[in-house]
N, C-alpha and C. Protein backbone atom coordinates (compact mmCIF):
# COMPACT_ATOMS: atom_id res chain seq x y z
N UNK A 1 -63.47 -43.63 95.92
CA UNK A 1 -64.15 -42.96 94.40
C UNK A 1 -63.75 -41.60 94.63
N UNK A 2 -63.10 -41.21 93.67
CA UNK A 2 -63.44 -39.55 93.86
C UNK A 2 -64.36 -38.61 94.01
N UNK A 3 -64.72 -37.65 93.85
CA UNK A 3 -65.65 -36.38 94.23
C UNK A 3 -66.29 -36.71 92.45
N UNK A 4 -65.64 -36.55 91.69
CA UNK A 4 -66.14 -36.33 90.09
C UNK A 4 -66.92 -37.70 89.93
N UNK A 5 -66.42 -38.77 90.31
CA UNK A 5 -67.52 -40.33 89.86
C UNK A 5 -68.29 -40.01 90.81
N UNK A 6 -68.49 -39.36 92.06
CA UNK A 6 -69.88 -39.72 92.77
C UNK A 6 -70.76 -38.36 92.27
N UNK A 7 -70.37 -37.54 91.49
CA UNK A 7 -71.25 -36.76 90.90
C UNK A 7 -71.21 -37.02 89.53
N UNK A 8 -71.08 -38.41 88.90
CA UNK A 8 -71.37 -38.83 87.80
C UNK A 8 -70.86 -38.22 86.34
N UNK A 9 -69.49 -37.61 86.89
CA UNK A 9 -68.37 -36.86 85.98
C UNK A 9 -67.24 -38.07 85.61
N UNK A 10 -67.20 -38.73 84.56
CA UNK A 10 -66.39 -39.36 83.97
C UNK A 10 -64.93 -38.91 84.47
N UNK A 11 -63.97 -39.27 84.59
CA UNK A 11 -62.29 -39.04 85.12
C UNK A 11 -62.09 -38.05 83.95
N UNK A 12 -61.99 -38.98 82.63
CA UNK A 12 -61.48 -38.34 81.36
C UNK A 12 -62.69 -37.87 80.96
N UNK A 13 -62.39 -36.43 80.77
CA UNK A 13 -63.61 -35.57 80.33
C UNK A 13 -63.13 -34.67 78.94
N UNK A 14 -63.52 -35.21 77.88
CA UNK A 14 -62.66 -34.57 76.75
C UNK A 14 -63.07 -32.98 76.46
N UNK A 15 -64.48 -32.29 77.48
CA UNK A 15 -64.68 -31.38 77.42
C UNK A 15 -63.96 -30.35 78.37
N UNK A 16 -63.23 -30.54 79.27
CA UNK A 16 -62.95 -29.72 80.07
C UNK A 16 -61.60 -29.28 80.26
N UNK A 17 -61.46 -27.84 80.53
CA UNK A 17 -60.59 -26.95 80.03
C UNK A 17 -60.63 -25.69 79.68
N UNK A 18 -59.60 -25.04 79.24
CA UNK A 18 -59.43 -24.06 78.40
C UNK A 18 -59.18 -23.85 77.17
N UNK A 19 -59.79 -22.92 76.04
CA UNK A 19 -59.24 -22.98 74.95
C UNK A 19 -58.08 -21.74 74.84
N UNK A 20 -57.12 -21.59 73.79
CA UNK A 20 -55.87 -21.21 74.13
C UNK A 20 -56.50 -19.73 73.00
N UNK A 21 -57.68 -20.17 72.06
CA UNK A 21 -57.54 -19.04 70.92
C UNK A 21 -59.55 -19.44 70.80
N UNK A 22 -59.84 -18.71 71.40
CA UNK A 22 -61.38 -19.24 71.09
C UNK A 22 -62.19 -18.25 70.24
N UNK A 23 -63.15 -18.63 69.49
CA UNK A 23 -63.87 -17.54 69.00
C UNK A 23 -64.88 -16.73 69.72
N UNK A 24 -65.45 -17.51 70.62
CA UNK A 24 -66.18 -16.92 71.92
C UNK A 24 -65.77 -17.42 73.41
N UNK A 25 -65.99 -16.78 74.11
CA UNK A 25 -65.96 -17.15 75.50
C UNK A 25 -66.86 -16.31 76.75
N UNK A 26 -66.82 -16.77 77.97
CA UNK A 26 -68.11 -16.35 78.93
C UNK A 26 -67.75 -16.85 79.85
N UNK A 27 -67.78 -16.10 81.07
CA UNK A 27 -67.41 -16.50 82.56
C UNK A 27 -68.51 -16.04 83.10
N UNK A 28 -69.26 -16.79 84.08
CA UNK A 28 -69.93 -16.42 85.24
C UNK A 28 -69.64 -16.73 86.04
N UNK A 29 -69.96 -15.83 87.62
CA UNK A 29 -70.15 -16.63 89.04
C UNK A 29 -71.73 -16.67 89.34
N UNK A 30 -71.87 -18.09 89.71
CA UNK A 30 -73.01 -18.22 90.37
C UNK A 30 -73.53 -17.58 91.92
N UNK A 31 -74.50 -17.79 92.42
CA UNK A 31 -75.04 -17.24 93.53
C UNK A 31 -74.63 -18.58 94.42
N UNK A 32 -73.96 -19.47 93.65
CA UNK A 32 -73.87 -20.63 94.80
C UNK A 32 -71.84 -20.22 95.13
N UNK A 33 -71.35 -19.18 94.89
CA UNK A 33 -70.04 -18.63 94.28
C UNK A 33 -69.05 -19.70 93.76
N UNK A 34 -69.65 -20.78 92.83
CA UNK A 34 -68.90 -21.69 91.62
C UNK A 34 -68.94 -20.44 90.60
N UNK A 35 -67.73 -20.61 89.90
CA UNK A 35 -67.86 -19.82 88.67
C UNK A 35 -67.78 -20.92 87.36
N UNK A 36 -68.50 -20.21 86.20
CA UNK A 36 -68.15 -21.66 85.10
C UNK A 36 -67.75 -20.75 84.18
N UNK A 37 -67.13 -21.02 83.10
CA UNK A 37 -66.41 -20.60 81.70
C UNK A 37 -66.89 -21.38 80.69
N UNK A 38 -66.85 -21.11 79.69
CA UNK A 38 -67.74 -21.49 78.30
C UNK A 38 -66.36 -20.89 77.33
N UNK A 39 -65.62 -22.05 76.04
CA UNK A 39 -64.69 -21.07 75.20
C UNK A 39 -65.31 -22.08 74.42
N UNK A 40 -65.62 -21.80 73.26
CA UNK A 40 -66.01 -21.99 72.04
C UNK A 40 -65.72 -21.84 70.62
N UNK A 41 -64.97 -22.33 69.81
CA UNK A 41 -64.38 -22.55 68.19
C UNK A 41 -65.67 -22.39 67.35
N UNK A 42 -65.89 -21.67 66.68
CA UNK A 42 -67.19 -21.86 65.92
C UNK A 42 -66.42 -21.17 64.63
N UNK A 43 -66.67 -22.18 63.66
CA UNK A 43 -66.49 -21.90 62.33
C UNK A 43 -68.04 -22.00 61.47
N UNK A 44 -68.17 -21.16 60.46
CA UNK A 44 -69.46 -20.71 59.54
C UNK A 44 -70.73 -21.32 60.36
N UNK A 45 -70.46 -20.44 61.47
CA UNK A 45 -71.89 -20.79 62.43
C UNK A 45 -71.68 -22.34 63.06
N UNK A 46 -71.05 -23.31 63.17
CA UNK A 46 -71.21 -24.40 63.94
C UNK A 46 -69.94 -24.16 65.20
N UNK A 47 -70.87 -25.36 65.88
CA UNK A 47 -69.52 -25.09 66.97
C UNK A 47 -68.88 -26.24 66.89
N UNK A 48 -67.75 -26.55 66.44
CA UNK A 48 -66.68 -27.30 66.04
C UNK A 48 -66.19 -27.82 67.26
N UNK A 49 -65.49 -26.65 68.28
CA UNK A 49 -65.02 -27.46 69.58
C UNK A 49 -65.76 -26.31 70.64
N UNK A 50 -65.80 -27.53 71.71
CA UNK A 50 -65.89 -26.58 73.18
C UNK A 50 -65.71 -26.96 74.22
N UNK A 51 -65.38 -25.97 75.32
CA UNK A 51 -64.60 -26.37 75.99
C UNK A 51 -65.12 -25.44 77.58
N UNK A 52 -65.34 -26.61 78.39
CA UNK A 52 -66.08 -25.51 80.09
C UNK A 52 -64.45 -25.62 80.97
N UNK A 53 -64.87 -24.84 81.91
CA UNK A 53 -63.96 -24.98 83.06
C UNK A 53 -64.60 -24.28 84.45
N UNK A 54 -64.50 -24.88 85.47
CA UNK A 54 -64.87 -24.33 86.57
C UNK A 54 -63.97 -24.77 87.93
N UNK A 55 -63.89 -24.27 88.56
CA UNK A 55 -63.24 -24.99 90.02
C UNK A 55 -64.21 -25.39 91.33
N UNK A 56 -65.41 -25.50 90.75
CA UNK A 56 -66.72 -25.39 91.54
C UNK A 56 -66.70 -27.27 91.94
N UNK A 57 -68.23 -27.41 92.25
CA UNK A 57 -68.34 -28.61 92.71
C UNK A 57 -68.73 -29.66 91.73
N UNK A 58 -68.69 -31.28 91.80
CA UNK A 58 -68.68 -31.67 90.98
C UNK A 58 -70.06 -32.00 89.86
N UNK A 59 -71.45 -31.33 90.91
CA UNK A 59 -71.93 -31.16 90.21
C UNK A 59 -72.17 -29.79 89.52
N UNK A 60 -71.31 -29.14 89.51
CA UNK A 60 -71.44 -27.70 88.43
C UNK A 60 -70.53 -28.72 87.08
N UNK A 61 -69.27 -29.34 87.63
CA UNK A 61 -68.66 -29.87 86.16
C UNK A 61 -69.56 -30.66 86.08
N UNK A 62 -70.90 -31.44 86.22
CA UNK A 62 -71.30 -32.44 85.47
C UNK A 62 -72.03 -31.64 84.69
N UNK A 63 -72.64 -30.41 85.05
CA UNK A 63 -73.29 -29.89 84.12
C UNK A 63 -72.99 -29.04 83.34
N UNK A 64 -71.86 -28.63 83.37
CA UNK A 64 -70.83 -28.00 82.57
C UNK A 64 -70.55 -29.26 81.19
N UNK A 65 -70.47 -30.02 81.35
CA UNK A 65 -70.29 -31.61 80.70
C UNK A 65 -71.37 -31.58 79.89
N UNK A 66 -72.56 -31.44 80.56
CA UNK A 66 -73.77 -31.78 79.84
C UNK A 66 -74.00 -31.02 79.06
N UNK A 67 -73.63 -29.81 78.61
CA UNK A 67 -74.07 -28.59 78.00
C UNK A 67 -73.18 -28.61 76.85
N UNK A 68 -71.89 -29.04 77.22
CA UNK A 68 -70.63 -28.95 76.29
C UNK A 68 -70.92 -30.10 75.20
N UNK A 69 -71.71 -31.39 75.47
CA UNK A 69 -71.69 -32.58 75.48
C UNK A 69 -72.91 -32.06 74.23
N UNK A 70 -74.04 -31.69 74.34
CA UNK A 70 -75.29 -31.20 73.68
C UNK A 70 -74.90 -30.54 73.00
N UNK A 71 -74.01 -29.53 72.87
CA UNK A 71 -73.59 -28.14 71.95
C UNK A 71 -72.62 -28.59 70.77
N UNK A 72 -71.64 -29.19 71.38
CA UNK A 72 -70.78 -29.73 70.08
C UNK A 72 -71.10 -30.52 68.51
N UNK A 73 -70.75 -29.56 67.88
CA UNK A 73 -71.54 -30.04 66.33
C UNK A 73 -72.64 -29.54 65.52
N UNK A 74 -73.40 -28.64 66.80
CA UNK A 74 -74.87 -28.52 66.71
C UNK A 74 -74.24 -26.83 65.85
N UNK A 75 -75.12 -26.20 64.78
CA UNK A 75 -75.03 -24.73 64.63
C UNK A 75 -75.24 -23.81 65.66
N UNK A 76 -74.91 -22.87 66.19
CA UNK A 76 -75.17 -21.90 67.26
C UNK A 76 -76.97 -21.61 67.34
N UNK A 77 -77.47 -21.02 66.13
CA UNK A 77 -78.86 -20.99 66.46
C UNK A 77 -79.83 -22.35 66.93
N UNK A 78 -79.15 -23.54 66.75
CA UNK A 78 -80.06 -24.83 67.25
C UNK A 78 -79.17 -24.78 68.72
N UNK A 79 -78.08 -24.44 68.78
CA UNK A 79 -77.62 -24.83 69.92
C UNK A 79 -78.30 -23.88 71.58
N UNK A 80 -79.01 -23.07 70.56
CA UNK A 80 -79.37 -22.38 71.79
C UNK A 80 -80.85 -23.23 72.51
N UNK A 81 -81.27 -23.85 71.82
CA UNK A 81 -82.41 -24.41 72.34
C UNK A 81 -82.17 -25.26 73.67
N UNK A 82 -80.51 -25.81 73.96
CA UNK A 82 -80.20 -26.27 75.12
C UNK A 82 -80.98 -25.60 76.29
N UNK A 83 -81.82 -26.01 77.23
CA UNK A 83 -82.06 -25.69 78.56
C UNK A 83 -81.59 -26.33 79.48
N UNK A 84 -81.50 -25.26 80.61
CA UNK A 84 -81.33 -25.67 82.11
C UNK A 84 -82.40 -27.04 82.18
N UNK A 85 -83.51 -26.72 81.88
CA UNK A 85 -84.66 -27.93 82.15
C UNK A 85 -83.83 -29.59 81.55
N UNK A 86 -83.33 -29.16 80.11
CA UNK A 86 -83.12 -30.54 79.62
C UNK A 86 -82.25 -31.20 80.74
N UNK A 87 -81.08 -30.32 80.57
CA UNK A 87 -80.11 -30.69 81.41
C UNK A 87 -80.05 -31.63 83.12
N UNK A 88 -81.26 -30.61 83.67
CA UNK A 88 -81.80 -31.05 84.90
C UNK A 88 -82.53 -32.58 84.72
N UNK A 89 -83.18 -32.71 83.76
CA UNK A 89 -83.99 -33.82 83.15
C UNK A 89 -82.96 -34.93 82.83
N UNK A 90 -81.85 -34.41 82.32
CA UNK A 90 -81.17 -35.51 81.76
C UNK A 90 -80.55 -36.77 82.57
N UNK A 91 -80.39 -36.45 84.01
CA UNK A 91 -79.81 -37.31 84.81
C UNK A 91 -78.17 -37.35 84.76
N UNK A 92 -77.72 -36.67 84.35
CA UNK A 92 -76.48 -36.28 84.29
C UNK A 92 -75.99 -35.06 86.04
N UNK A 93 -76.67 -34.58 86.38
CA UNK A 93 -76.39 -33.89 87.27
C UNK A 93 -77.70 -34.05 88.53
N UNK A 94 -77.39 -33.72 89.55
CA UNK A 94 -78.09 -33.94 90.52
C UNK A 94 -79.83 -32.94 90.21
N UNK A 95 -80.63 -33.76 90.74
CA UNK A 95 -82.19 -32.82 90.05
C UNK A 95 -82.25 -31.93 90.77
N UNK A 96 -82.20 -31.93 92.29
CA UNK A 96 -82.74 -30.83 93.17
C UNK A 96 -81.84 -30.11 93.70
N UNK A 97 -80.66 -30.82 94.17
CA UNK A 97 -79.90 -29.95 94.88
C UNK A 97 -78.95 -29.26 93.69
N UNK A 98 -79.15 -29.37 92.57
CA UNK A 98 -77.87 -28.98 91.31
C UNK A 98 -78.74 -28.12 90.57
N UNK A 99 -80.05 -27.66 90.77
CA UNK A 99 -80.73 -27.16 89.61
C UNK A 99 -79.68 -25.64 89.59
N UNK A 100 -79.39 -25.15 90.54
CA UNK A 100 -78.53 -23.56 90.37
C UNK A 100 -77.69 -24.07 89.52
N UNK A 101 -76.66 -24.95 89.49
CA UNK A 101 -75.46 -25.81 88.53
C UNK A 101 -75.66 -25.91 87.42
N UNK A 102 -77.24 -26.08 87.05
CA UNK A 102 -77.59 -25.99 85.61
C UNK A 102 -77.96 -25.35 85.18
N UNK A 103 -78.45 -23.88 85.66
CA UNK A 103 -79.20 -22.80 85.12
C UNK A 103 -77.51 -22.33 84.88
N UNK A 104 -76.95 -22.27 85.66
CA UNK A 104 -75.00 -21.68 86.10
C UNK A 104 -74.55 -21.59 84.49
N UNK A 105 -74.42 -23.57 84.20
CA UNK A 105 -74.19 -23.74 82.91
C UNK A 105 -74.51 -23.24 81.86
N UNK A 106 -75.79 -23.33 81.68
CA UNK A 106 -76.56 -22.91 80.49
C UNK A 106 -76.42 -21.96 80.17
N UNK A 107 -76.77 -20.91 81.32
CA UNK A 107 -76.55 -19.56 81.31
C UNK A 107 -74.77 -18.79 80.60
N UNK A 108 -74.36 -19.47 80.73
CA UNK A 108 -72.69 -19.08 80.88
C UNK A 108 -72.37 -19.75 79.15
N UNK A 109 -73.20 -20.59 79.09
CA UNK A 109 -73.09 -21.06 77.46
C UNK A 109 -74.03 -19.92 76.64
N UNK A 110 -74.96 -19.93 77.09
CA UNK A 110 -75.72 -19.05 76.48
C UNK A 110 -74.79 -17.50 75.86
N UNK A 111 -74.08 -16.76 76.93
CA UNK A 111 -73.56 -15.75 77.12
C UNK A 111 -72.26 -15.86 76.14
N UNK A 112 -71.75 -16.99 76.28
CA UNK A 112 -70.34 -17.53 75.21
C UNK A 112 -70.56 -17.03 73.59
N UNK A 113 -72.59 -17.89 72.80
CA UNK A 113 -72.89 -17.95 72.39
C UNK A 113 -72.79 -16.20 71.60
N UNK A 114 -73.78 -15.56 72.84
CA UNK A 114 -73.63 -14.37 72.42
C UNK A 114 -72.48 -13.38 72.25
N UNK A 115 -71.21 -13.71 73.35
CA UNK A 115 -70.32 -13.15 72.33
C UNK A 115 -70.03 -13.26 71.12
N UNK A 116 -69.83 -14.15 70.57
CA UNK A 116 -69.86 -14.70 69.50
C UNK A 116 -70.70 -14.12 68.24
N UNK A 117 -71.65 -14.12 68.65
CA UNK A 117 -73.11 -13.17 68.01
C UNK A 117 -73.21 -11.59 67.77
N UNK A 118 -72.58 -11.29 68.75
CA UNK A 118 -72.58 -9.73 68.75
C UNK A 118 -71.42 -9.23 68.52
N UNK A 119 -70.40 -10.02 67.92
CA UNK A 119 -68.95 -9.79 67.56
C UNK A 119 -69.23 -8.67 66.64
N UNK A 120 -68.51 -8.04 66.33
CA UNK A 120 -68.39 -6.94 65.36
C UNK A 120 -67.58 -7.72 63.82
């Protein structure tokens, strides 16, 4: 069984990877040393496509996928209601050991949204 399967992330993850020409993007390095990136394609204030990238642990990846899954198709302002607590309670990542992974994923997503909102 692969590390990803053990962490609850499916082998085929439609949200994993980078985007060539995103509308907005952000990257943050967490306290654990894992780095998370989010790339967004936004049209008319709706997140039409979203990708995350990390070389971190399986739990970091699971949290990135959980955020991306919730954000796709939502308006930018509505997607800002996604919280680390929601990701932790979802069961999609390890609730105790991976709290910092959920916080990293959500914070990076918020920063990508800010990149969009603050663009000239």
